[in-house]
PDB file of N, CA and C in Angstrom:
ATOM      1  N   MET A   1       0.845  -1.175   0.000  1.00  0.00           N
ATOM      2  CA  MET A   1       0.000   0.000   0.000  1.00  0.00           C
ATOM      3  C   MET A   1       0.890   1.236   0.000  1.00  0.00           C
ATOM      4  N   GLY A   2       0.606   2.189  -0.888  1.00  0.00           N
ATOM      5  CA  GLY A   2       1.403   3.405  -1.008  1.00  0.00           C
ATOM      6  C   GLY A   2       0.944   4.504  -0.068  1.00  0.00           C
ATOM      7  N   LYS A   3       1.516   5.672  -0.273  1.00  0.00           N
ATOM      8  CA  LYS A   3       1.169   6.836   0.549  1.00  0.00           C
ATOM      9  C   LYS A   3      -0.197   7.377   0.165  1.00  0.00           C
ATOM     10  N   ASN A   4      -0.945   7.836   1.153  1.00  0.00           N
ATOM     11  CA  ASN A   4      -2.206   8.510   0.873  1.00  0.00           C
ATOM     12  C   ASN A   4      -1.911   9.789   0.103  1.00  0.00           C
ATOM     13  N   GLN A   5      -2.800  10.145  -0.812  1.00  0.00           N
ATOM     14  CA  GLN A   5      -2.622  11.319  -1.657  1.00  0.00           C
ATOM     15  C   GLN A   5      -3.593  12.409  -1.220  1.00  0.00           C
ATOM     16  N   HIS A   6      -3.058  13.602  -0.984  1.00  0.00           N
ATOM     17  CA  HIS A   6      -3.857  14.727  -0.514  1.00  0.00           C
ATOM     18  C   HIS A   6      -3.959  15.796  -1.600  1.00  0.00           C
ATOM     19  N   VAL A   7      -5.174  16.279  -1.840  1.00  0.00           N
ATOM     20  CA  VAL A   7      -5.407  17.422  -2.726  1.00  0.00           C
ATOM     21  C   VAL A   7      -5.465  18.650  -1.825  1.00  0.00           C
ATOM     22  N   VAL A   8      -4.547  19.603  -2.058  1.00  0.00           N
ATOM     23  CA  VAL A   8      -4.414  20.764  -1.174  1.00  0.00           C
ATOM     24  C   VAL A   8      -4.396  22.061  -1.972  1.00  0.00           C
ATOM     25  N   LYS A   9      -4.853  23.145  -1.348  1.00  0.00           N
ATOM     26  CA  LYS A   9      -4.830  24.485  -1.952  1.00  0.00           C
ATOM     27  C   LYS A   9      -3.401  25.012  -1.915  1.00  0.00           C
ATOM     28  N   THR A  10      -2.967  25.620  -3.010  1.00  0.00           N
ATOM     29  CA  THR A  10      -1.655  26.260  -3.073  1.00  0.00           C
ATOM     30  C   THR A  10      -1.846  27.731  -3.409  1.00  0.00           C
ATOM     31  N   ASP A  11      -0.764  28.503  -3.413  1.00  0.00           N
ATOM     32  CA  ASP A  11      -0.849  29.925  -3.762  1.00  0.00           C
ATOM     33  C   ASP A  11      -1.341  30.136  -5.186  1.00  0.00           C
ATOM     34  N   ASP A  12      -0.959  29.236  -6.095  1.00  0.00           N
ATOM     35  CA  ASP A  12      -1.286  29.403  -7.508  1.00  0.00           C
ATOM     36  C   ASP A  12      -2.407  28.507  -8.013  1.00  0.00           C
ATOM     37  N   GLY A  13      -3.011  27.720  -7.151  1.00  0.00           N
ATOM     38  CA  GLY A  13      -4.077  26.813  -7.585  1.00  0.00           C
ATOM     39  C   GLY A  13      -4.241  25.671  -6.609  1.00  0.00           C
ATOM     40  N   TRP A  14      -4.052  24.436  -7.115  1.00  0.00           N
ATOM     41  CA  TRP A  14      -4.235  23.237  -6.308  1.00  0.00           C
ATOM     42  C   TRP A  14      -3.073  22.285  -6.547  1.00  0.00           C
ATOM     43  N   GLY A  15      -2.762  21.477  -5.547  1.00  0.00           N
ATOM     44  CA  GLY A  15      -1.653  20.548  -5.675  1.00  0.00           C
ATOM     45  C   GLY A  15      -1.991  19.181  -5.123  1.00  0.00           C
ATOM     46  N   VAL A  16      -1.160  18.218  -5.501  1.00  0.00           N
ATOM     47  CA  VAL A  16      -1.249  16.854  -4.992  1.00  0.00           C
ATOM     48  C   VAL A  16       0.006  16.618  -4.166  1.00  0.00           C
ATOM     49  N   ARG A  17      -0.186  16.126  -2.948  1.00  0.00           N
ATOM     50  CA  ARG A  17       0.955  15.884  -2.053  1.00  0.00           C
ATOM     51  C   ARG A  17       0.797  14.507  -1.419  1.00  0.00           C
ATOM     52  N   GLY A  18       1.852  13.707  -1.509  1.00  0.00           N
ATOM     53  CA  GLY A  18       1.863  12.415  -0.830  1.00  0.00           C
ATOM     54  C   GLY A  18       1.952  12.640   0.672  1.00  0.00           C
ATOM     55  N   GLU A  19       1.271  11.816   1.432  1.00  0.00           N
ATOM     56  CA  GLU A  19       1.253  11.980   2.886  1.00  0.00           C
ATOM     57  C   GLU A  19       2.675  11.945   3.452  1.00  0.00           C
ATOM     58  N   GLY A  20       2.997  12.946   4.270  1.00  0.00           N
ATOM     59  CA  GLY A  20       4.309  13.037   4.893  1.00  0.00           C
ATOM     60  C   GLY A  20       5.340  13.771   4.057  1.00  0.00           C
ATOM     61  N   ASN A  21       5.013  14.077   2.802  1.00  0.00           N
ATOM     62  CA  ASN A  21       5.946  14.793   1.935  1.00  0.00           C
ATOM     63  C   ASN A  21       5.818  16.293   2.137  1.00  0.00           C
ATOM     64  N   SER A  22       6.938  17.005   2.026  1.00  0.00           N
ATOM     65  CA  SER A  22       6.886  18.459   2.123  1.00  0.00           C
ATOM     66  C   SER A  22       6.706  19.090   0.742  1.00  0.00           C
ATOM     67  N   ARG A  23       7.135  18.377  -0.296  1.00  0.00           N
ATOM     68  CA  ARG A  23       7.009  18.897  -1.662  1.00  0.00           C
ATOM     69  C   ARG A  23       5.780  18.321  -2.355  1.00  0.00           C
ATOM     70  N   LEU A  24       5.241  19.089  -3.280  1.00  0.00           N
ATOM     71  CA  LEU A  24       4.089  18.645  -4.059  1.00  0.00           C
ATOM     72  C   LEU A  24       4.519  17.623  -5.101  1.00  0.00           C
ATOM     73  N   THR A  25       3.658  16.666  -5.358  1.00  0.00           N
ATOM     74  CA  THR A  25       3.871  15.705  -6.436  1.00  0.00           C
ATOM     75  C   THR A  25       3.562  16.370  -7.771  1.00  0.00           C
ATOM     76  N   SER A  26       2.489  17.172  -7.797  1.00  0.00           N
ATOM     77  CA  SER A  26       2.108  17.900  -9.005  1.00  0.00           C
ATOM     78  C   SER A  26       1.286  19.126  -8.640  1.00  0.00           C
ATOM     79  N   GLU A  27       1.263  20.104  -9.548  1.00  0.00           N
ATOM     80  CA  GLU A  27       0.493  21.335  -9.362  1.00  0.00           C
ATOM     81  C   GLU A  27      -0.503  21.478 -10.505  1.00  0.00           C
ATOM     82  N   HIS A  28      -1.680  22.055 -10.193  1.00  0.00           N
ATOM     83  CA  HIS A  28      -2.759  22.170 -11.174  1.00  0.00           C
ATOM     84  C   HIS A  28      -3.483  23.496 -11.003  1.00  0.00           C
ATOM     85  N   ARG A  29      -4.060  23.978 -12.093  1.00  0.00           N
ATOM     86  CA  ARG A  29      -4.797  25.250 -12.039  1.00  0.00           C
ATOM     87  C   ARG A  29      -6.146  25.089 -11.369  1.00  0.00           C
ATOM     88  N   THR A  30      -6.760  23.898 -11.525  1.00  0.00           N
ATOM     89  CA  THR A  30      -8.090  23.690 -10.958  1.00  0.00           C
ATOM     90  C   THR A  30      -8.085  22.549  -9.947  1.00  0.00           C
ATOM     91  N   LYS A  31      -9.042  22.601  -9.043  1.00  0.00           N
ATOM     92  CA  LYS A  31      -9.184  21.549  -8.045  1.00  0.00           C
ATOM     93  C   LYS A  31      -9.561  20.230  -8.720  1.00  0.00           C
ATOM     94  N   SER A  32     -10.403  20.311  -9.720  1.00  0.00           N
ATOM     95  CA  SER A  32     -10.836  19.122 -10.439  1.00  0.00           C
ATOM     96  C   SER A  32      -9.650  18.386 -11.079  1.00  0.00           C
ATOM     97  N   ALA A  33      -8.743  19.130 -11.684  1.00  0.00           N
ATOM     98  CA  ALA A  33      -7.562  18.525 -12.313  1.00  0.00           C
ATOM     99  C   ALA A  33      -6.679  17.867 -11.253  1.00  0.00           C
ATOM    100  N   ALA A  34      -6.532  18.520 -10.103  1.00  0.00           N
ATOM    101  CA  ALA A  34      -5.728  17.957  -9.014  1.00  0.00           C
ATOM    102  C   ALA A  34      -6.374  16.680  -8.477  1.00  0.00           C
ATOM    103  N   GLU A  35      -7.693  16.676  -8.348  1.00  0.00           N
ATOM    104  CA  GLU A  35      -8.407  15.491  -7.874  1.00  0.00           C
ATOM    105  C   GLU A  35      -8.213  14.320  -8.831  1.00  0.00           C
ATOM    106  N   ASN A  36      -8.317  14.580 -10.123  1.00  0.00           N
ATOM    107  CA  ASN A  36      -8.137  13.518 -11.121  1.00  0.00           C
ATOM    108  C   ASN A  36      -6.735  12.932 -11.054  1.00  0.00           C
ATOM    109  N   ALA A  37      -5.726  13.786 -10.933  1.00  0.00           N
ATOM    110  CA  ALA A  37      -4.338  13.322 -10.848  1.00  0.00           C
ATOM    111  C   ALA A  37      -4.120  12.513  -9.575  1.00  0.00           C
ATOM    112  N   ALA A  38      -4.627  13.019  -8.450  1.00  0.00           N
ATOM    113  CA  ALA A  38      -4.466  12.330  -7.173  1.00  0.00           C
ATOM    114  C   ALA A  38      -5.205  11.000  -7.168  1.00  0.00           C
ATOM    115  N   ARG A  39      -6.367  10.965  -7.799  1.00  0.00           N
ATOM    116  CA  ARG A  39      -7.158   9.729  -7.869  1.00  0.00           C
ATOM    117  C   ARG A  39      -6.391   8.640  -8.623  1.00  0.00           C
ATOM    118  N   GLN A  40      -5.747   9.009  -9.720  1.00  0.00           N
ATOM    119  CA  GLN A  40      -4.960   8.042 -10.498  1.00  0.00           C
ATOM    120  C   GLN A  40      -3.793   7.501  -9.682  1.00  0.00           C
ATOM    121  N   ILE A  41      -3.096   8.388  -8.958  1.00  0.00           N
ATOM    122  CA  ILE A  41      -1.970   7.963  -8.127  1.00  0.00           C
ATOM    123  C   ILE A  41      -2.465   7.026  -7.024  1.00  0.00           C
ATOM    124  N   ALA A  42      -3.566   7.408  -6.363  1.00  0.00           N
ATOM    125  CA  ALA A  42      -4.112   6.586  -5.280  1.00  0.00           C
ATOM    126  C   ALA A  42      -4.548   5.212  -5.796  1.00  0.00           C
ATOM    127  N   LYS A  43      -5.141   5.160  -6.974  1.00  0.00           N
ATOM    128  CA  LYS A  43      -5.532   3.876  -7.562  1.00  0.00           C
ATOM    129  C   LYS A  43      -4.310   3.020  -7.835  1.00  0.00           C
ATOM    130  N   ASN A  44      -3.270   3.624  -8.428  1.00  0.00           N
ATOM    131  CA  ASN A  44      -2.053   2.884  -8.760  1.00  0.00           C
ATOM    132  C   ASN A  44      -1.345   2.373  -7.512  1.00  0.00           C
ATOM    133  N   GLN A  45      -1.389   3.149  -6.434  1.00  0.00           N
ATOM    134  CA  GLN A  45      -0.685   2.774  -5.204  1.00  0.00           C
ATOM    135  C   GLN A  45      -1.585   2.051  -4.199  1.00  0.00           C
ATOM    136  N   HIS A  46      -2.850   1.844  -4.544  1.00  0.00           N
ATOM    137  CA  HIS A  46      -3.822   1.200  -3.645  1.00  0.00           C
ATOM    138  C   HIS A  46      -3.841   1.916  -2.297  1.00  0.00           C
ATOM    139  N   SER A  47      -3.982   3.233  -2.360  1.00  0.00           N
ATOM    140  CA  SER A  47      -3.986   4.047  -1.143  1.00  0.00           C
ATOM    141  C   SER A  47      -5.267   4.872  -1.074  1.00  0.00           C
ATOM    142  N   GLU A  48      -5.275   5.874  -0.213  1.00  0.00           N
ATOM    143  CA  GLU A  48      -6.468   6.685  -0.003  1.00  0.00           C
ATOM    144  C   GLU A  48      -6.294   8.077  -0.598  1.00  0.00           C
ATOM    145  N   LEU A  49      -7.365   8.601  -1.150  1.00  0.00           N
ATOM    146  CA  LEU A  49      -7.416   9.964  -1.666  1.00  0.00           C
ATOM    147  C   LEU A  49      -8.091  10.830  -0.605  1.00  0.00           C
ATOM    148  N   VAL A  50      -7.432  11.933  -0.219  1.00  0.00           N
ATOM    149  CA  VAL A  50      -7.972  12.849   0.789  1.00  0.00           C
ATOM    150  C   VAL A  50      -8.075  14.228   0.141  1.00  0.00           C
ATOM    151  N   ILE A  51      -9.289  14.768   0.049  1.00  0.00           N
ATOM    152  CA  ILE A  51      -9.521  16.050  -0.603  1.00  0.00           C
ATOM    153  C   ILE A  51      -9.778  17.121   0.452  1.00  0.00           C
ATOM    154  N   HIS A  52      -8.956  18.170   0.419  1.00  0.00           N
ATOM    155  CA  HIS A  52      -9.067  19.277   1.361  1.00  0.00           C
ATOM    156  C   HIS A  52      -9.732  20.471   0.677  1.00  0.00           C
ATOM    157  N   GLY A  53     -10.415  21.297   1.449  1.00  0.00           N
ATOM    158  CA  GLY A  53     -11.014  22.523   0.943  1.00  0.00           C
ATOM    159  C   GLY A  53     -10.029  23.677   1.011  1.00  0.00           C
ATOM    160  N   ARG A  54     -10.468  24.857   0.609  1.00  0.00           N
ATOM    161  CA  ARG A  54      -9.626  26.055   0.656  1.00  0.00           C
ATOM    162  C   ARG A  54      -9.112  26.347   2.066  1.00  0.00           C
ATOM    163  N   ASP A  55      -9.919  25.984   3.068  1.00  0.00           N
ATOM    164  CA  ASP A  55      -9.552  26.244   4.461  1.00  0.00           C
ATOM    165  C   ASP A  55      -8.642  25.164   5.043  1.00  0.00           C
ATOM    166  N   GLY A  56      -8.334  24.133   4.266  1.00  0.00           N
ATOM    167  CA  GLY A  56      -7.456  23.060   4.717  1.00  0.00           C
ATOM    168  C   GLY A  56      -8.169  21.898   5.378  1.00  0.00           C
ATOM    169  N   LYS A  57      -9.460  22.061   5.660  1.00  0.00           N
ATOM    170  CA  LYS A  57     -10.226  20.985   6.290  1.00  0.00           C
ATOM    171  C   LYS A  57     -10.548  19.897   5.265  1.00  0.00           C
ATOM    172  N   ILE A  58     -10.603  18.660   5.746  1.00  0.00           N
ATOM    173  CA  ILE A  58     -10.927  17.541   4.866  1.00  0.00           C
ATOM    174  C   ILE A  58     -12.389  17.632   4.448  1.00  0.00           C
ATOM    175  N   GLN A  59     -12.601  17.571   3.126  1.00  0.00           N
ATOM    176  CA  GLN A  59     -13.962  17.612   2.582  1.00  0.00           C
ATOM    177  C   GLN A  59     -14.464  16.230   2.200  1.00  0.00           C
ATOM    178  N   ASP A  60     -13.532  15.379   1.730  1.00  0.00           N
ATOM    179  CA  ASP A  60     -13.950  14.072   1.238  1.00  0.00           C
ATOM    180  C   ASP A  60     -12.760  13.117   1.252  1.00  0.00           C
ATOM    181  N   LYS A  61     -13.065  11.833   1.276  1.00  0.00           N
ATOM    182  CA  LYS A  61     -12.052  10.784   1.209  1.00  0.00           C
ATOM    183  C   LYS A  61     -12.560   9.685   0.300  1.00  0.00           C
ATOM    184  N   ASP A  62     -11.623   8.974  -0.312  1.00  0.00           N
ATOM    185  CA  ASP A  62     -11.979   7.825  -1.128  1.00  0.00           C
ATOM    186  C   ASP A  62     -10.840   6.822  -1.021  1.00  0.00           C
ATOM    187  N   SER A  63     -11.167   5.574  -0.742  1.00  0.00           N
ATOM    188  CA  SER A  63     -10.157   4.545  -0.543  1.00  0.00           C
ATOM    189  C   SER A  63     -10.057   3.648  -1.766  1.00  0.00           C
ATOM    190  N   PHE A  64      -8.823   3.388  -2.188  1.00  0.00           N
ATOM    191  CA  PHE A  64      -8.574   2.504  -3.320  1.00  0.00           C
ATOM    192  C   PHE A  64      -7.742   1.305  -2.903  1.00  0.00           C
ATOM    193  N   GLY A  65      -7.571   1.115  -1.597  1.00  0.00           N
ATOM    194  CA  GLY A  65      -6.784   0.000  -1.083  1.00  0.00           C
ATOM    195  C   GLY A  65      -7.657  -1.193  -0.786  1.00  0.00           C
ATOM    196  N   ASN A  66      -7.048  -2.206  -0.214  1.00  0.00           N
ATOM    197  CA  ASN A  66      -7.766  -3.408   0.183  1.00  0.00           C
ATOM    198  C   ASN A  66      -8.245  -3.201   1.608  1.00  0.00           C
ATOM    199  N   ASP A  67      -9.403  -2.620   1.760  1.00  0.00           N
ATOM    200  CA  ASP A  67      -9.947  -2.276   3.070  1.00  0.00           C
ATOM    201  C   ASP A  67     -10.724  -3.465   3.633  1.00  0.00           C
ATOM    202  N   PRO A  68     -10.261  -4.065   4.763  1.00  0.00           N
ATOM    203  CA  PRO A  68     -10.970  -5.210   5.316  1.00  0.00           C
ATOM    204  C   PRO A  68     -12.341  -4.844   5.898  1.00  0.00           C
ATOM    205  N   CYS A  69     -12.556  -3.582   6.208  1.00  0.00           N
ATOM    206  CA  CYS A  69     -13.847  -3.115   6.745  1.00  0.00           C
ATOM    207  C   CYS A  69     -14.332  -1.927   5.925  1.00  0.00           C
ATOM    208  N   PRO A  70     -14.730  -2.148   4.680  1.00  0.00           N
ATOM    209  CA  PRO A  70     -15.128  -1.021   3.842  1.00  0.00           C
ATOM    210  C   PRO A  70     -16.382  -0.332   4.377  1.00  0.00           C
ATOM    211  N   PRO A  71     -16.475   0.994   4.189  1.00  0.00           N
ATOM    212  CA  PRO A  71     -17.675   1.700   4.635  1.00  0.00           C
ATOM    213  C   PRO A  71     -18.871   1.325   3.776  1.00  0.00           C
ATOM    214  N   LYS A  72     -20.032   1.596   4.278  1.00  0.00           N
ATOM    215  CA  LYS A  72     -21.253   1.281   3.537  1.00  0.00           C
ATOM    216  C   LYS A  72     -21.627   2.414   2.590  1.00  0.00           C
ATOM    217  N   ASP A  73     -20.670   3.249   2.276  1.00  0.00           N
ATOM    218  CA  ASP A  73     -20.851   4.392   1.393  1.00  0.00           C
ATOM    219  C   ASP A  73     -21.116   3.910  -0.042  1.00  0.00           C
ATOM    220  N   ARG A  74     -22.184   4.358  -0.621  1.00  0.00           N
ATOM    221  CA  ARG A  74     -22.538   3.973  -1.987  1.00  0.00           C
ATOM    222  C   ARG A  74     -22.321   5.120  -2.965  1.00  0.00           C
ATOM    223  N   LYS A  75     -21.530   6.097  -2.569  1.00  0.00           N
ATOM    224  CA  LYS A  75     -21.295   7.294  -3.378  1.00  0.00           C
ATOM    225  C   LYS A  75     -20.610   6.960  -4.700  1.00  0.00           C
ATOM    226  N   HIS A  76     -19.669   6.011  -4.705  1.00  0.00           N
ATOM    227  CA  HIS A  76     -18.882   5.729  -5.911  1.00  0.00           C
ATOM    228  C   HIS A  76     -19.215   4.369  -6.455  1.00  0.00           C
TER     229      HIS A  76
END
């Protein structure tokens, strides 16, 4: 299982950052583009996608790993 991927607000737009990393993996002009990039990385690494809002608070999560106790969420 790889590092969880976080979508975060930056000065110039939105970025993708691996959990525990100080540097961004990638930078994007829109939040949607950052989410798509982070989702692909999380799928490839079988990790979790964590989406933050402008204020830094977590807005949403999505798991792509082998979760032994998956939530009953039917969103995706």
